[in-house]
Amino acid sequence: MNEIIKRPLRSIGYNFIKDEYLPQGTDEYYLRNKQNKSGINYRNLTAYEIEVLVRNNNTSDDWNKLQVSDAFTPELVKNCKFFGLVRIGKLKQFRWSIIMFACRLDYTTARSSVVILETM
């Protein structure tokens, strides 16, 4: 049987590595910091970026733990909840494409036809 452990919502993003497994003098993010070899430099949010994120219905338990690259566009982030250390790089606007499938199965002849209609 699986063991289910309930924790408060505010603990999401924290204490995911037990202290006994952390090398002395490090925190739970030390491996993430060590493995970040993308070459992207992250910085804390500006007051303007926090204002835009809040206006777009985003929340964070600690805005100081949200780090972004210089290519970050806060206007593209909406309805998100951030917990713990979060790093966001370059974002691009996504254009939705609606694809509709019209299918017809003919059991008498064992044939099927599929029509794909794409609209932008």
Protein backbone atom coordinates (compact mmCIF):
# COMPACT_ATOMS: atom_id res chain seq x y z
CA MET A 1 0.00 0.00 0.00
CA ASN A 2 1.24 3.50 -0.81
CA GLU A 3 1.93 5.94 1.97
CA ILE A 4 0.18 9.26 1.51
CA ILE A 5 1.68 12.19 3.37
CA LYS A 6 -0.37 15.38 3.56
CA ARG A 7 1.54 18.63 3.88
CA PRO A 8 0.40 22.25 3.92
CA LEU A 9 0.16 23.93 0.53
CA ARG A 10 2.78 26.51 1.59
CA SER A 11 5.38 23.70 1.74
CA ILE A 12 5.29 23.08 -2.03
CA GLY A 13 8.71 23.83 -3.48
CA TYR A 14 10.49 23.49 -0.14
CA ASN A 15 12.04 20.72 1.93
CA PHE A 16 11.98 18.22 -0.92
CA ILE A 17 15.41 16.89 0.10
CA LYS A 18 15.81 15.77 3.69
CA ASP A 19 18.59 17.56 5.59
CA GLU A 20 20.47 14.31 6.15
CA TYR A 21 21.03 14.01 2.39
CA LEU A 22 22.30 17.56 1.89
CA PRO A 23 26.05 18.18 2.02
CA GLN A 24 26.99 20.48 4.86
CA GLY A 25 26.63 24.17 4.03
CA THR A 26 24.24 23.62 1.09
CA ASP A 27 20.51 24.03 0.60
CA GLU A 28 17.99 22.00 -1.35
CA TYR A 29 18.71 24.00 -4.50
CA TYR A 30 22.45 23.29 -4.65
CA LEU A 31 22.11 20.59 -7.33
CA ARG A 32 19.90 22.78 -9.49
CA ASN A 33 22.44 25.58 -9.23
CA LYS A 34 25.27 23.19 -10.08
CA GLN A 35 23.43 21.66 -13.05
CA ASN A 36 22.47 25.02 -14.58
CA LYS A 37 24.91 25.00 -17.49
CA SER A 38 22.63 26.69 -19.99
CA GLY A 39 24.68 29.87 -19.92
CA ILE A 40 21.60 31.89 -19.02
CA ASN A 41 22.13 34.44 -16.28
CA TYR A 42 19.14 34.77 -14.00
CA ARG A 43 18.20 37.81 -11.95
CA ASN A 44 15.46 38.78 -9.51
CA LEU A 45 12.30 40.40 -10.79
CA THR A 46 11.96 44.14 -11.11
CA ALA A 47 9.11 45.98 -9.37
CA TYR A 48 7.47 46.51 -12.78
CA GLU A 49 7.63 42.77 -13.62
CA ILE A 50 6.06 41.85 -10.26
CA GLU A 51 3.32 44.42 -10.87
CA VAL A 52 2.54 42.93 -14.31
CA LEU A 53 2.56 39.37 -12.93
CA VAL A 54 0.16 40.28 -10.12
CA ARG A 55 -2.11 42.12 -12.57
CA ASN A 56 -2.18 38.93 -14.71
CA ASN A 57 -3.48 36.90 -11.76
CA ASN A 58 -0.16 35.26 -10.82
CA THR A 59 0.89 34.59 -7.23
CA SER A 60 4.09 33.60 -5.50
CA ASP A 61 4.86 32.58 -1.95
CA ASP A 62 8.07 34.62 -2.29
CA TRP A 63 8.68 36.87 -5.32
CA ASN A 64 12.40 36.95 -4.41
CA LYS A 65 12.66 33.26 -5.33
CA LEU A 66 11.35 33.85 -8.83
CA GLN A 67 14.33 34.46 -11.11
CA VAL A 68 14.21 35.40 -14.76
CA SER A 69 16.52 35.95 -17.71
CA ASP A 70 16.89 39.34 -19.38
CA ALA A 71 14.69 38.01 -22.22
CA PHE A 72 11.74 37.44 -19.83
CA THR A 73 8.39 38.94 -20.89
CA PRO A 74 6.05 39.16 -17.86
CA GLU A 75 3.02 40.00 -20.02
CA LEU A 76 3.01 36.41 -21.33
CA VAL A 77 2.61 34.78 -17.89
CA LYS A 78 -0.98 34.47 -16.67
CA ASN A 79 -2.83 32.58 -13.94
CA CYS A 80 0.22 30.84 -12.44
CA LYS A 81 1.17 30.01 -8.87
CA PHE A 82 4.87 29.90 -8.06
CA PHE A 83 6.35 28.05 -5.09
CA GLY A 84 10.00 27.88 -4.11
CA LEU A 85 12.84 28.61 -6.51
CA VAL A 86 11.56 29.13 -10.05
CA ARG A 87 13.64 30.18 -13.04
CA ILE A 88 12.05 31.44 -16.25
CA GLY A 89 13.98 32.12 -19.43
CA LYS A 90 12.83 33.51 -22.74
CA LEU A 91 9.14 33.20 -23.48
CA LYS A 92 7.46 33.40 -26.86
CA GLN A 93 3.88 34.17 -27.64
CA PHE A 94 2.03 31.04 -28.73
CA ARG A 95 -0.51 31.26 -31.51
CA TRP A 96 -3.34 28.79 -31.16
CA SER A 97 -4.36 26.77 -34.15
CA ILE A 98 -7.66 24.98 -34.09
CA ILE A 99 -7.63 21.58 -35.71
CA MET A 100 -10.93 19.82 -36.15
CA PHE A 101 -11.21 16.20 -37.14
CA ALA A 102 -14.19 14.91 -39.05
CA CYS A 103 -14.19 11.12 -39.05
CA ARG A 104 -16.42 8.67 -40.85
CA LEU A 105 -16.27 4.95 -40.34
CA ASP A 106 -17.98 2.62 -42.79
CA TYR A 107 -18.30 -0.81 -41.22
CA THR A 108 -19.86 -2.36 -44.29
CA THR A 109 -16.78 -1.76 -46.44
CA ALA A 110 -14.18 -1.58 -43.64
CA ARG A 111 -13.06 1.85 -44.82
CA SER A 112 -12.57 5.02 -42.89
CA SER A 113 -12.00 8.56 -43.94
CA VAL A 114 -10.52 11.41 -41.95
CA VAL A 115 -10.71 15.04 -42.93
CA ILE A 116 -8.50 17.52 -41.15
CA LEU A 117 -9.58 21.14 -41.19
CA GLU A 118 -7.13 23.71 -39.87
CA THR A 119 -8.00 27.30 -39.16
CA MET A 120 -5.81 30.15 -37.90
